[in-house]
N, C-alpha and C. Protein backbone atom coordinates (compact mmCIF):
# COMPACT_ATOMS: atom_id res chain seq x y z
N UNK A 1 17.27 -2.25 -2.99
CA UNK A 1 16.57 -1.57 -1.90
C UNK A 1 15.77 -0.39 -2.46
N UNK A 2 14.65 -0.10 -1.84
CA UNK A 2 13.82 1.02 -2.28
C UNK A 2 14.53 2.34 -2.02
N UNK A 3 14.60 3.18 -3.02
CA UNK A 3 15.20 4.49 -2.91
C UNK A 3 14.18 5.53 -3.34
N UNK A 4 14.51 6.80 -3.11
CA UNK A 4 13.62 7.86 -3.55
C UNK A 4 13.42 7.81 -5.06
N UNK A 5 14.51 7.56 -5.81
CA UNK A 5 14.42 7.48 -7.27
C UNK A 5 13.54 6.31 -7.70
N UNK A 6 13.66 5.18 -7.01
CA UNK A 6 12.85 4.01 -7.35
C UNK A 6 11.37 4.32 -7.12
N UNK A 7 11.03 4.88 -5.96
CA UNK A 7 9.63 5.16 -5.64
C UNK A 7 9.05 6.21 -6.58
N UNK A 8 9.85 7.21 -6.95
CA UNK A 8 9.37 8.22 -7.89
C UNK A 8 9.15 7.61 -9.27
N UNK A 9 10.01 6.66 -9.65
CA UNK A 9 9.86 6.01 -10.94
C UNK A 9 8.69 5.05 -11.01
N UNK A 10 8.26 4.53 -9.85
CA UNK A 10 7.19 3.55 -9.83
C UNK A 10 5.80 4.17 -9.91
N UNK A 11 5.70 5.45 -9.64
CA UNK A 11 4.37 6.05 -9.76
C UNK A 11 4.10 6.40 -11.22
N UNK A 12 2.91 6.08 -11.66
CA UNK A 12 2.56 6.27 -13.07
C UNK A 12 2.18 7.71 -13.36
N UNK A 13 1.64 8.37 -12.35
CA UNK A 13 1.12 9.72 -12.55
C UNK A 13 1.80 10.69 -11.58
N UNK A 14 1.21 11.84 -11.33
CA UNK A 14 1.84 12.85 -10.51
C UNK A 14 1.95 12.49 -9.04
N UNK A 15 1.08 11.59 -8.59
CA UNK A 15 1.07 11.19 -7.18
C UNK A 15 1.24 9.68 -7.10
N UNK A 16 1.81 9.19 -6.01
CA UNK A 16 1.97 7.73 -5.88
C UNK A 16 0.63 7.05 -5.70
N UNK A 17 0.60 5.75 -5.92
CA UNK A 17 -0.61 4.98 -5.65
C UNK A 17 -0.98 5.16 -4.18
N UNK A 18 -2.27 5.12 -3.88
CA UNK A 18 -2.76 5.54 -2.56
C UNK A 18 -2.32 4.63 -1.43
N UNK A 19 -2.06 3.35 -1.73
CA UNK A 19 -1.71 2.41 -0.66
C UNK A 19 -0.52 1.56 -1.06
N UNK A 20 0.32 1.30 -0.08
CA UNK A 20 1.45 0.40 -0.22
C UNK A 20 1.48 -0.47 1.02
N UNK A 21 1.69 -1.77 0.85
CA UNK A 21 1.83 -2.69 1.98
C UNK A 21 3.28 -3.10 2.10
N UNK A 22 3.80 -3.12 3.32
CA UNK A 22 5.19 -3.50 3.55
C UNK A 22 5.29 -4.34 4.81
N UNK A 23 6.30 -5.22 4.85
CA UNK A 23 6.50 -6.02 6.06
C UNK A 23 7.46 -5.32 7.03
N UNK A 24 7.64 -4.00 6.84
CA UNK A 24 8.53 -3.21 7.70
C UNK A 24 8.05 -1.76 7.73
N UNK A 25 8.40 -1.01 8.79
CA UNK A 25 7.94 0.37 8.90
C UNK A 25 8.74 1.34 8.05
N UNK A 26 9.83 0.88 7.43
CA UNK A 26 10.61 1.73 6.57
C UNK A 26 11.36 2.81 7.32
N UNK A 27 11.77 3.83 6.57
CA UNK A 27 12.52 4.95 7.14
C UNK A 27 11.99 6.25 6.56
N UNK A 28 12.25 7.34 7.27
CA UNK A 28 11.89 8.68 6.80
C UNK A 28 13.17 9.39 6.39
N UNK A 29 13.36 9.58 5.07
CA UNK A 29 14.60 10.13 4.55
C UNK A 29 14.32 11.29 3.60
N UNK A 30 14.95 12.40 3.85
CA UNK A 30 14.86 13.57 2.96
C UNK A 30 13.40 13.94 2.65
N UNK A 31 12.55 13.82 3.67
CA UNK A 31 11.15 14.19 3.50
C UNK A 31 10.27 13.12 2.90
N UNK A 32 10.82 11.90 2.69
CA UNK A 32 10.06 10.81 2.08
C UNK A 32 10.00 9.62 3.04
N UNK A 33 8.82 9.01 3.13
CA UNK A 33 8.71 7.69 3.75
C UNK A 33 9.09 6.65 2.71
N UNK A 34 10.09 5.84 3.02
CA UNK A 34 10.55 4.82 2.09
C UNK A 34 10.53 3.46 2.76
N UNK A 35 9.91 2.45 2.14
CA UNK A 35 9.95 1.11 2.72
C UNK A 35 11.34 0.50 2.56
N UNK A 36 11.69 -0.37 3.47
CA UNK A 36 12.94 -1.11 3.35
C UNK A 36 12.74 -2.34 2.46
N UNK A 37 13.82 -2.88 1.96
CA UNK A 37 13.74 -4.10 1.17
C UNK A 37 13.41 -3.85 -0.27
N UNK A 38 12.87 -4.87 -0.93
CA UNK A 38 12.60 -4.82 -2.37
C UNK A 38 11.14 -5.09 -2.67
N UNK A 39 10.66 -4.48 -3.74
CA UNK A 39 9.27 -4.66 -4.13
C UNK A 39 9.03 -6.06 -4.67
N UNK A 40 7.91 -6.63 -4.31
CA UNK A 40 7.50 -7.90 -4.89
C UNK A 40 7.39 -7.72 -6.40
N UNK A 41 8.13 -8.52 -7.15
CA UNK A 41 8.15 -8.39 -8.60
C UNK A 41 9.38 -7.70 -9.14
N UNK A 42 10.24 -7.17 -8.25
CA UNK A 42 11.45 -6.50 -8.72
C UNK A 42 12.56 -7.51 -9.00
N UNK A 43 13.58 -7.03 -9.69
CA UNK A 43 14.73 -7.90 -10.00
C UNK A 43 15.36 -8.44 -8.72
N UNK A 44 15.61 -7.56 -7.75
CA UNK A 44 16.29 -7.97 -6.53
C UNK A 44 15.42 -8.92 -5.71
N UNK A 45 14.11 -8.70 -5.70
CA UNK A 45 13.21 -9.60 -4.97
C UNK A 45 13.26 -11.00 -5.56
N UNK A 46 13.31 -11.09 -6.88
CA UNK A 46 13.33 -12.41 -7.53
C UNK A 46 14.60 -13.18 -7.20
N UNK A 47 15.69 -12.45 -6.87
CA UNK A 47 16.95 -13.10 -6.52
C UNK A 47 17.03 -13.45 -5.04
N UNK A 48 16.02 -13.04 -4.26
CA UNK A 48 16.02 -13.35 -2.84
C UNK A 48 17.09 -12.62 -2.06
N UNK A 49 17.39 -11.39 -2.49
CA UNK A 49 18.49 -10.65 -1.87
C UNK A 49 18.07 -9.82 -0.66
N UNK A 50 16.83 -9.95 -0.21
CA UNK A 50 16.39 -9.18 0.94
C UNK A 50 15.33 -9.97 1.72
N UNK A 51 15.35 -9.82 3.03
CA UNK A 51 14.34 -10.45 3.87
C UNK A 51 13.14 -9.55 4.07
N UNK A 52 13.21 -8.30 3.55
CA UNK A 52 12.11 -7.35 3.68
C UNK A 52 11.54 -7.04 2.30
N UNK A 53 10.24 -6.78 2.26
CA UNK A 53 9.61 -6.55 0.97
C UNK A 53 8.40 -5.64 1.11
N UNK A 54 7.90 -5.17 -0.04
CA UNK A 54 6.71 -4.33 -0.04
C UNK A 54 5.95 -4.55 -1.34
N UNK A 55 4.69 -4.14 -1.35
CA UNK A 55 3.79 -4.33 -2.49
C UNK A 55 3.03 -3.04 -2.73
N UNK A 56 3.14 -2.49 -3.93
CA UNK A 56 2.41 -1.27 -4.29
C UNK A 56 1.06 -1.67 -4.89
N UNK A 57 -0.01 -1.16 -4.31
CA UNK A 57 -1.36 -1.53 -4.73
C UNK A 57 -1.85 -0.62 -5.85
N UNK A 58 -2.65 -1.17 -6.74
CA UNK A 58 -3.17 -0.40 -7.86
C UNK A 58 -4.34 0.49 -7.41
N UNK A 59 -4.47 1.62 -8.10
CA UNK A 59 -5.64 2.49 -7.90
C UNK A 59 -6.74 2.19 -8.91
N UNK A 60 -6.54 1.22 -9.80
CA UNK A 60 -7.54 0.90 -10.82
C UNK A 60 -8.85 0.44 -10.17
N UNK A 61 -9.92 1.15 -10.46
CA UNK A 61 -11.27 0.79 -9.98
C UNK A 61 -11.32 0.62 -8.46
N UNK A 62 -10.43 1.34 -7.77
CA UNK A 62 -10.47 1.30 -6.31
C UNK A 62 -11.55 2.22 -5.80
N UNK A 63 -12.32 1.73 -4.84
CA UNK A 63 -13.36 2.54 -4.23
C UNK A 63 -12.74 3.42 -3.14
N UNK A 64 -13.57 4.20 -2.50
CA UNK A 64 -13.07 5.12 -1.47
C UNK A 64 -12.35 4.37 -0.36
N UNK A 65 -11.32 5.01 0.20
CA UNK A 65 -10.64 4.47 1.38
C UNK A 65 -11.38 5.01 2.59
N UNK A 66 -11.91 4.10 3.39
CA UNK A 66 -12.75 4.48 4.52
C UNK A 66 -11.93 4.39 5.81
N UNK A 67 -11.87 5.50 6.56
CA UNK A 67 -11.15 5.55 7.82
C UNK A 67 -12.17 5.65 8.96
N UNK A 68 -12.05 4.76 9.91
CA UNK A 68 -12.88 4.84 11.11
C UNK A 68 -11.97 4.80 12.32
N UNK A 69 -12.17 5.73 13.22
CA UNK A 69 -11.33 5.83 14.40
C UNK A 69 -12.08 5.30 15.62
N UNK A 70 -11.42 4.41 16.35
CA UNK A 70 -11.97 3.90 17.60
C UNK A 70 -11.22 4.55 18.76
N UNK A 71 -11.93 5.25 19.61
CA UNK A 71 -11.31 5.90 20.76
C UNK A 71 -11.36 4.94 21.94
N UNK A 72 -10.18 4.51 22.36
CA UNK A 72 -10.07 3.58 23.48
C UNK A 72 -9.90 4.41 24.75
N UNK A 73 -10.86 4.32 25.64
CA UNK A 73 -10.85 5.14 26.84
C UNK A 73 -11.69 4.49 27.93
N UNK A 74 -11.50 4.98 29.13
CA UNK A 74 -12.31 4.55 30.27
C UNK A 74 -13.11 5.76 30.75
N UNK A 75 -14.41 5.62 30.70
CA UNK A 75 -15.27 6.73 31.12
C UNK A 75 -15.99 6.37 32.42
N UNK A 76 -16.13 7.38 33.24
CA UNK A 76 -16.82 7.16 34.50
C UNK A 76 -17.47 8.47 34.94
N UNK A 77 -18.72 8.39 35.38
CA UNK A 77 -19.42 9.57 35.84
C UNK A 77 -19.18 9.76 37.34
N UNK A 78 -18.79 10.96 37.71
CA UNK A 78 -18.47 11.27 39.08
C UNK A 78 -19.75 11.52 39.90
N UNK A 79 -19.60 11.64 41.21
CA UNK A 79 -20.76 11.82 42.09
C UNK A 79 -21.47 13.14 41.82
N UNK A 80 -20.75 14.10 41.23
CA UNK A 80 -21.40 15.38 40.91
C UNK A 80 -22.09 15.34 39.55
N UNK A 81 -22.07 14.17 38.92
CA UNK A 81 -22.74 14.01 37.64
C UNK A 81 -21.88 14.30 36.42
N UNK A 82 -20.68 14.79 36.63
CA UNK A 82 -19.81 15.13 35.50
C UNK A 82 -19.05 13.90 35.02
N UNK A 83 -18.97 13.73 33.70
CA UNK A 83 -18.27 12.60 33.11
C UNK A 83 -16.77 12.88 33.03
N UNK A 84 -15.97 11.87 33.42
CA UNK A 84 -14.54 11.95 33.25
C UNK A 84 -14.08 10.78 32.38
N UNK A 85 -12.99 11.03 31.66
CA UNK A 85 -12.50 10.00 30.75
C UNK A 85 -10.99 9.90 30.86
N UNK A 86 -10.49 8.64 30.87
CA UNK A 86 -9.06 8.38 30.79
C UNK A 86 -8.79 7.84 29.40
N UNK A 87 -8.14 8.67 28.58
CA UNK A 87 -7.90 8.33 27.18
C UNK A 87 -6.67 7.45 27.06
N UNK A 88 -6.81 6.30 26.38
CA UNK A 88 -5.69 5.37 26.17
C UNK A 88 -5.07 5.59 24.80
N UNK A 89 -5.87 5.50 23.75
CA UNK A 89 -5.34 5.66 22.39
C UNK A 89 -6.50 5.77 21.41
N UNK A 90 -6.21 6.28 20.23
CA UNK A 90 -7.13 6.24 19.09
C UNK A 90 -6.56 5.27 18.08
N UNK A 91 -7.37 4.31 17.63
CA UNK A 91 -6.93 3.30 16.68
C UNK A 91 -7.80 3.35 15.42
N UNK A 92 -7.15 3.16 14.28
CA UNK A 92 -7.84 3.25 12.99
C UNK A 92 -8.28 1.89 12.48
N UNK A 93 -9.41 1.88 11.78
CA UNK A 93 -9.79 0.79 10.90
C UNK A 93 -9.85 1.37 9.49
N UNK A 94 -9.10 0.76 8.57
CA UNK A 94 -9.00 1.25 7.20
C UNK A 94 -9.57 0.19 6.27
N UNK A 95 -10.51 0.56 5.44
CA UNK A 95 -11.11 -0.41 4.53
C UNK A 95 -11.27 0.20 3.14
N UNK A 96 -11.19 -0.65 2.14
CA UNK A 96 -11.40 -0.24 0.76
C UNK A 96 -11.72 -1.47 -0.07
N UNK A 97 -12.02 -1.26 -1.34
CA UNK A 97 -12.34 -2.38 -2.23
C UNK A 97 -12.01 -2.00 -3.66
N UNK A 98 -11.87 -3.03 -4.47
CA UNK A 98 -11.62 -2.86 -5.91
C UNK A 98 -12.69 -3.62 -6.68
N UNK A 99 -13.15 -3.04 -7.76
CA UNK A 99 -14.08 -3.74 -8.64
C UNK A 99 -13.40 -3.96 -9.99
N UNK A 100 -13.60 -5.14 -10.55
CA UNK A 100 -13.04 -5.49 -11.85
C UNK A 100 -11.53 -5.22 -11.92
N UNK A 101 -10.82 -5.64 -10.88
CA UNK A 101 -9.37 -5.52 -10.87
C UNK A 101 -8.77 -6.72 -11.59
N UNK A 102 -7.85 -6.50 -12.53
CA UNK A 102 -7.22 -7.65 -13.19
C UNK A 102 -6.60 -8.60 -12.17
N UNK A 103 -6.69 -9.88 -12.42
CA UNK A 103 -6.17 -10.87 -11.48
C UNK A 103 -4.65 -10.88 -11.45
N UNK A 104 -4.00 -10.32 -12.45
CA UNK A 104 -2.54 -10.19 -12.46
C UNK A 104 -2.19 -8.83 -13.04
N UNK A 105 -1.07 -8.31 -12.64
CA UNK A 105 -0.69 -6.97 -13.09
C UNK A 105 0.05 -6.98 -14.42
N UNK A 106 0.70 -8.12 -14.75
CA UNK A 106 1.49 -8.24 -15.97
C UNK A 106 1.33 -9.65 -16.54
N UNK A 107 1.65 -9.84 -17.81
CA UNK A 107 1.50 -11.18 -18.39
C UNK A 107 2.48 -12.20 -17.83
N UNK A 108 3.62 -11.72 -17.28
CA UNK A 108 4.57 -12.60 -16.60
C UNK A 108 5.33 -11.75 -15.60
N UNK A 109 6.41 -12.29 -15.05
CA UNK A 109 7.11 -11.59 -13.97
C UNK A 109 7.47 -10.18 -14.40
N UNK A 110 7.04 -9.13 -13.67
CA UNK A 110 7.22 -7.75 -14.15
C UNK A 110 8.66 -7.27 -14.17
N UNK A 111 9.51 -7.71 -13.25
CA UNK A 111 10.93 -7.37 -13.25
C UNK A 111 11.16 -5.87 -13.22
N UNK A 112 10.71 -5.20 -12.14
CA UNK A 112 10.93 -3.77 -11.98
C UNK A 112 12.44 -3.49 -11.87
N UNK A 113 12.91 -2.54 -12.66
CA UNK A 113 14.33 -2.23 -12.70
C UNK A 113 14.78 -1.64 -11.36
N UNK A 114 15.92 -2.07 -10.87
CA UNK A 114 16.36 -1.81 -9.50
C UNK A 114 16.52 -0.34 -9.18
N UNK A 115 17.05 0.45 -10.08
CA UNK A 115 17.35 1.84 -9.76
C UNK A 115 16.26 2.82 -10.16
N UNK A 116 15.50 2.53 -11.22
CA UNK A 116 14.51 3.49 -11.71
C UNK A 116 13.07 3.12 -11.36
N UNK A 117 12.83 1.85 -11.01
CA UNK A 117 11.47 1.42 -10.75
C UNK A 117 10.65 1.15 -11.99
N UNK A 118 11.24 1.32 -13.16
CA UNK A 118 10.52 1.09 -14.41
C UNK A 118 10.46 -0.39 -14.73
N UNK A 119 9.40 -0.80 -15.41
CA UNK A 119 9.27 -2.18 -15.86
C UNK A 119 9.97 -2.31 -17.19
N UNK A 120 11.09 -3.01 -17.20
CA UNK A 120 11.94 -3.03 -18.39
C UNK A 120 12.00 -4.37 -19.07
N UNK A 121 11.47 -5.43 -18.44
CA UNK A 121 11.61 -6.75 -19.05
C UNK A 121 10.49 -7.68 -18.60
N UNK A 122 10.18 -8.62 -19.44
CA UNK A 122 9.30 -9.73 -19.09
C UNK A 122 10.10 -11.00 -19.32
N UNK A 123 10.34 -11.74 -18.26
CA UNK A 123 11.19 -12.91 -18.39
C UNK A 123 12.59 -12.48 -18.77
N UNK A 124 13.09 -12.96 -19.89
CA UNK A 124 14.43 -12.62 -20.33
C UNK A 124 14.43 -11.68 -21.53
N UNK A 125 13.25 -11.23 -21.96
CA UNK A 125 13.16 -10.42 -23.17
C UNK A 125 13.12 -8.95 -22.82
N UNK A 126 14.15 -8.21 -23.16
CA UNK A 126 14.20 -6.78 -22.84
C UNK A 126 13.23 -6.00 -23.71
N UNK A 127 12.46 -5.11 -23.09
CA UNK A 127 11.51 -4.27 -23.79
C UNK A 127 11.62 -2.85 -23.25
N UNK A 128 11.28 -1.83 -24.07
CA UNK A 128 11.27 -0.47 -23.54
C UNK A 128 10.30 -0.33 -22.37
N UNK A 129 9.16 -0.96 -22.50
CA UNK A 129 8.17 -0.97 -21.41
C UNK A 129 7.24 -2.15 -21.67
N UNK A 130 7.11 -2.97 -20.68
CA UNK A 130 6.35 -4.19 -20.87
C UNK A 130 4.85 -3.95 -20.95
N UNK A 131 4.15 -4.90 -21.49
CA UNK A 131 2.70 -4.87 -21.45
C UNK A 131 2.26 -4.96 -20.01
N UNK A 132 1.23 -4.20 -19.66
CA UNK A 132 0.74 -4.21 -18.29
C UNK A 132 -0.78 -4.28 -18.29
N UNK A 133 -1.34 -4.92 -17.27
CA UNK A 133 -2.79 -5.07 -17.20
C UNK A 133 -3.41 -4.06 -16.25
N UNK A 134 -2.71 -3.68 -15.19
CA UNK A 134 -3.16 -2.55 -14.37
C UNK A 134 -2.49 -1.30 -14.93
N UNK A 135 -3.24 -0.21 -15.04
CA UNK A 135 -2.72 0.96 -15.75
C UNK A 135 -1.55 1.62 -15.03
N UNK A 136 -1.44 1.44 -13.72
CA UNK A 136 -0.36 2.07 -12.96
C UNK A 136 0.69 1.07 -12.50
N UNK A 137 0.67 -0.14 -13.05
CA UNK A 137 1.63 -1.18 -12.68
C UNK A 137 1.48 -1.64 -11.23
N UNK A 138 0.36 -1.29 -10.59
CA UNK A 138 0.12 -1.74 -9.23
C UNK A 138 -0.32 -3.19 -9.20
N UNK A 139 -0.38 -3.75 -8.01
CA UNK A 139 -0.65 -5.18 -7.84
C UNK A 139 -2.03 -5.57 -8.34
N UNK A 140 -2.11 -6.76 -8.93
CA UNK A 140 -3.37 -7.35 -9.33
C UNK A 140 -3.94 -8.21 -8.22
N UNK A 141 -5.05 -8.88 -8.51
CA UNK A 141 -5.75 -9.64 -7.49
C UNK A 141 -4.94 -10.74 -6.85
N UNK A 142 -4.21 -11.51 -7.65
CA UNK A 142 -3.44 -12.63 -7.10
C UNK A 142 -2.33 -12.12 -6.19
N UNK A 143 -1.71 -11.00 -6.55
CA UNK A 143 -0.66 -10.43 -5.70
C UNK A 143 -1.21 -10.03 -4.34
N UNK A 144 -2.42 -9.44 -4.32
CA UNK A 144 -3.04 -9.08 -3.04
C UNK A 144 -3.36 -10.33 -2.22
N UNK A 145 -3.89 -11.35 -2.88
CA UNK A 145 -4.24 -12.59 -2.18
C UNK A 145 -2.98 -13.25 -1.61
N UNK A 146 -1.92 -13.27 -2.38
CA UNK A 146 -0.67 -13.87 -1.92
C UNK A 146 -0.14 -13.14 -0.69
N UNK A 147 -0.21 -11.80 -0.71
CA UNK A 147 0.24 -11.03 0.45
C UNK A 147 -0.60 -11.37 1.68
N UNK A 148 -1.90 -11.47 1.50
CA UNK A 148 -2.79 -11.82 2.62
C UNK A 148 -2.43 -13.18 3.19
N UNK A 149 -2.20 -14.15 2.34
CA UNK A 149 -1.91 -15.50 2.81
C UNK A 149 -0.54 -15.60 3.50
N UNK A 150 0.40 -14.77 3.08
CA UNK A 150 1.76 -14.87 3.63
C UNK A 150 1.98 -13.96 4.84
N UNK A 151 1.05 -13.06 5.13
CA UNK A 151 1.22 -12.14 6.24
C UNK A 151 0.11 -12.35 7.26
N UNK A 152 0.31 -13.36 8.09
CA UNK A 152 -0.69 -13.68 9.12
C UNK A 152 -0.54 -12.81 10.36
N UNK A 153 0.62 -12.17 10.49
CA UNK A 153 0.83 -11.24 11.60
C UNK A 153 0.62 -9.81 11.14
N UNK A 154 1.23 -8.89 11.84
CA UNK A 154 1.07 -7.49 11.50
C UNK A 154 1.98 -7.11 10.33
N UNK A 155 1.61 -6.05 9.64
CA UNK A 155 2.43 -5.44 8.59
C UNK A 155 2.11 -3.96 8.58
N UNK A 156 2.69 -3.22 7.65
CA UNK A 156 2.52 -1.77 7.63
C UNK A 156 1.86 -1.33 6.33
N UNK A 157 0.93 -0.37 6.46
CA UNK A 157 0.31 0.24 5.29
C UNK A 157 0.81 1.67 5.19
N UNK A 158 1.29 2.03 3.99
CA UNK A 158 1.72 3.40 3.71
C UNK A 158 0.58 4.06 2.94
N UNK A 159 0.23 5.28 3.31
CA UNK A 159 -0.92 5.96 2.74
C UNK A 159 -0.52 7.28 2.09
N UNK A 160 -1.05 7.53 0.90
CA UNK A 160 -0.79 8.77 0.17
C UNK A 160 -2.12 9.45 -0.11
N UNK A 161 -2.45 10.43 0.71
CA UNK A 161 -3.64 11.25 0.51
C UNK A 161 -3.36 12.59 1.17
N UNK A 162 -4.17 13.57 0.96
CA UNK A 162 -3.87 14.91 1.46
C UNK A 162 -4.10 14.98 2.96
N UNK A 163 -3.02 14.80 3.71
CA UNK A 163 -3.07 14.90 5.17
C UNK A 163 -1.81 15.64 5.61
N UNK A 164 -1.74 16.91 5.22
CA UNK A 164 -0.51 17.68 5.39
C UNK A 164 -0.12 17.89 6.85
N UNK A 165 -1.06 17.73 7.78
CA UNK A 165 -0.72 17.92 9.19
C UNK A 165 0.35 16.93 9.66
N UNK A 166 0.41 15.76 9.01
CA UNK A 166 1.44 14.79 9.40
C UNK A 166 2.84 15.34 9.16
N UNK A 167 3.01 16.13 8.11
CA UNK A 167 4.32 16.72 7.85
C UNK A 167 4.59 17.89 8.79
N UNK A 168 3.52 18.58 9.22
CA UNK A 168 3.71 19.62 10.22
C UNK A 168 4.25 19.01 11.51
N UNK A 169 3.72 17.84 11.88
CA UNK A 169 4.17 17.16 13.09
C UNK A 169 5.61 16.67 12.98
N UNK A 170 6.09 16.50 11.73
CA UNK A 170 7.48 16.11 11.50
C UNK A 170 8.39 17.32 11.36
N UNK A 171 7.84 18.50 11.66
CA UNK A 171 8.58 19.76 11.56
C UNK A 171 9.04 20.05 10.14
N UNK A 172 8.26 19.61 9.17
CA UNK A 172 8.55 19.94 7.77
C UNK A 172 8.23 21.43 7.56
N UNK A 173 9.15 22.15 6.94
CA UNK A 173 8.97 23.59 6.77
C UNK A 173 7.94 23.93 5.70
N UNK A 174 7.62 22.95 4.83
CA UNK A 174 6.63 23.19 3.77
C UNK A 174 5.61 22.06 3.76
N UNK A 175 4.80 21.93 4.80
CA UNK A 175 3.88 20.78 4.90
C UNK A 175 2.85 20.71 3.79
N UNK A 176 2.55 21.84 3.15
CA UNK A 176 1.54 21.85 2.09
C UNK A 176 2.07 21.31 0.76
N UNK A 177 3.36 21.06 0.67
CA UNK A 177 3.98 20.71 -0.60
C UNK A 177 4.33 19.23 -0.71
N UNK A 178 3.50 18.37 -0.12
CA UNK A 178 3.86 16.96 -0.05
C UNK A 178 2.81 16.01 -0.63
N UNK A 179 2.03 16.51 -1.58
CA UNK A 179 1.00 15.65 -2.17
C UNK A 179 1.59 14.45 -2.90
N UNK A 180 2.79 14.59 -3.40
CA UNK A 180 3.41 13.51 -4.16
C UNK A 180 4.16 12.51 -3.31
N UNK A 181 3.80 12.40 -2.03
CA UNK A 181 4.52 11.50 -1.13
C UNK A 181 3.54 10.69 -0.28
N UNK A 182 4.04 9.58 0.27
CA UNK A 182 3.31 8.89 1.32
C UNK A 182 3.44 9.71 2.59
N UNK A 183 2.32 9.90 3.29
CA UNK A 183 2.35 10.79 4.45
C UNK A 183 2.06 10.10 5.77
N UNK A 184 1.71 8.82 5.74
CA UNK A 184 1.32 8.14 6.97
C UNK A 184 1.67 6.66 6.86
N UNK A 185 2.22 6.11 7.92
CA UNK A 185 2.57 4.69 7.97
C UNK A 185 1.93 4.11 9.22
N UNK A 186 1.10 3.07 9.05
CA UNK A 186 0.34 2.50 10.16
C UNK A 186 0.57 1.00 10.22
N UNK A 187 0.88 0.48 11.40
CA UNK A 187 1.01 -0.97 11.57
C UNK A 187 -0.38 -1.56 11.75
N UNK A 188 -0.69 -2.59 10.98
CA UNK A 188 -2.06 -3.13 10.94
C UNK A 188 -2.06 -4.66 10.90
N UNK A 189 -3.23 -5.20 11.19
CA UNK A 189 -3.56 -6.60 10.93
C UNK A 189 -4.67 -6.62 9.89
N UNK A 190 -4.80 -7.72 9.15
CA UNK A 190 -5.98 -7.94 8.34
C UNK A 190 -7.14 -8.31 9.27
N UNK A 191 -8.23 -7.61 9.15
CA UNK A 191 -9.44 -8.03 9.86
C UNK A 191 -10.46 -8.64 8.90
N UNK A 192 -10.27 -8.39 7.59
CA UNK A 192 -11.14 -9.01 6.59
C UNK A 192 -10.46 -8.96 5.24
N UNK A 193 -10.59 -10.05 4.48
CA UNK A 193 -10.12 -10.09 3.09
C UNK A 193 -11.06 -11.02 2.34
N UNK A 194 -11.70 -10.51 1.32
CA UNK A 194 -12.61 -11.35 0.54
C UNK A 194 -12.51 -10.96 -0.93
N UNK A 195 -12.79 -11.93 -1.80
CA UNK A 195 -12.74 -11.64 -3.23
C UNK A 195 -13.72 -12.52 -3.97
N UNK A 196 -14.15 -12.02 -5.10
CA UNK A 196 -15.00 -12.79 -6.01
C UNK A 196 -14.42 -12.70 -7.41
N UNK A 197 -14.55 -13.78 -8.16
CA UNK A 197 -14.13 -13.77 -9.56
C UNK A 197 -15.32 -13.28 -10.36
N UNK A 198 -15.28 -12.02 -10.73
CA UNK A 198 -16.41 -11.38 -11.40
C UNK A 198 -16.57 -11.86 -12.84
N UNK A 199 -15.45 -11.99 -13.54
CA UNK A 199 -15.52 -12.35 -14.95
C UNK A 199 -14.23 -13.05 -15.35
N UNK A 200 -14.34 -14.21 -15.93
CA UNK A 200 -13.15 -14.92 -16.40
C UNK A 200 -12.74 -14.41 -17.77
N UNK A 201 -11.43 -14.14 -17.92
CA UNK A 201 -10.93 -13.66 -19.19
C UNK A 201 -10.68 -14.81 -20.16
N UNK A 202 -10.22 -14.46 -21.34
CA UNK A 202 -9.95 -15.47 -22.36
C UNK A 202 -8.63 -16.17 -22.11
N UNK A 203 -7.53 -15.50 -22.43
CA UNK A 203 -6.22 -16.13 -22.29
C UNK A 203 -5.22 -15.26 -21.55
N UNK A 204 -5.69 -14.15 -20.95
CA UNK A 204 -4.74 -13.26 -20.30
C UNK A 204 -4.98 -13.11 -18.80
N UNK A 205 -6.17 -12.69 -18.38
CA UNK A 205 -6.44 -12.51 -16.94
C UNK A 205 -7.94 -12.52 -16.69
N UNK A 206 -8.29 -12.69 -15.40
CA UNK A 206 -9.68 -12.59 -14.97
C UNK A 206 -9.90 -11.22 -14.32
N UNK A 207 -11.16 -10.89 -14.09
CA UNK A 207 -11.50 -9.69 -13.33
C UNK A 207 -11.98 -10.11 -11.94
N UNK A 208 -11.39 -9.53 -10.91
CA UNK A 208 -11.75 -9.83 -9.53
C UNK A 208 -12.35 -8.61 -8.86
N UNK A 209 -13.24 -8.86 -7.92
CA UNK A 209 -13.69 -7.85 -6.97
C UNK A 209 -13.08 -8.21 -5.63
N UNK A 210 -12.42 -7.25 -4.98
CA UNK A 210 -11.70 -7.51 -3.74
C UNK A 210 -12.10 -6.49 -2.69
N UNK A 211 -12.26 -6.97 -1.47
CA UNK A 211 -12.58 -6.09 -0.34
C UNK A 211 -11.62 -6.41 0.80
N UNK A 212 -11.03 -5.36 1.38
CA UNK A 212 -10.09 -5.56 2.50
C UNK A 212 -10.43 -4.60 3.63
N UNK A 213 -10.15 -5.05 4.84
CA UNK A 213 -10.29 -4.21 6.02
C UNK A 213 -9.06 -4.43 6.89
N UNK A 214 -8.45 -3.34 7.33
CA UNK A 214 -7.22 -3.38 8.11
C UNK A 214 -7.47 -2.70 9.46
N UNK A 215 -6.95 -3.33 10.50
CA UNK A 215 -7.15 -2.80 11.86
C UNK A 215 -5.79 -2.44 12.46
N UNK A 216 -5.67 -1.22 12.95
CA UNK A 216 -4.41 -0.76 13.52
C UNK A 216 -4.03 -1.57 14.76
N UNK A 217 -2.75 -1.89 14.86
CA UNK A 217 -2.24 -2.67 15.99
C UNK A 217 -2.41 -1.86 17.27
């Protein structure tokens, strides 16, 4: 199961990868949003020990994350000419793309270690740290495509960017001190997923260009 130690171990740099996809909303524990279940590619996931899973996306060659808000409301102009509005909800559309993303993140099954989140083995051969094709061990093109094909309904996107007001709303006493965490979890559907094979590799991986658009439920 995903723990704080696992998620901290899975980030390559000071901050986590900007996006994570999960088939569950997770839990908020000790100031951290944590997905339930096991990461695709982890030891426990390969054993089928959980019905819930998540996928950490790579930041390699990722373009800007675009947020567009749709305000759902009913507007009507009164007899005195003044406009009135009945506000229902604000819903997000989130879109981004990757250029020249490796088609796979590792040469074979990454086998993320259960407690630390580190990549410790490829197949049955123990290594201090396996060879990796994405610099942050995030998902490659095929992993993203597989997630799209297997999740025809809604799923959740976890977002890590500077949006400290979300922690203020959670009554966090230090909302400014949370850059190293996921700060927002949104239930979404795929509204668009497309990819092109930009360049075929020799014997290891291809380069893909991928574009995704997610619409809040």
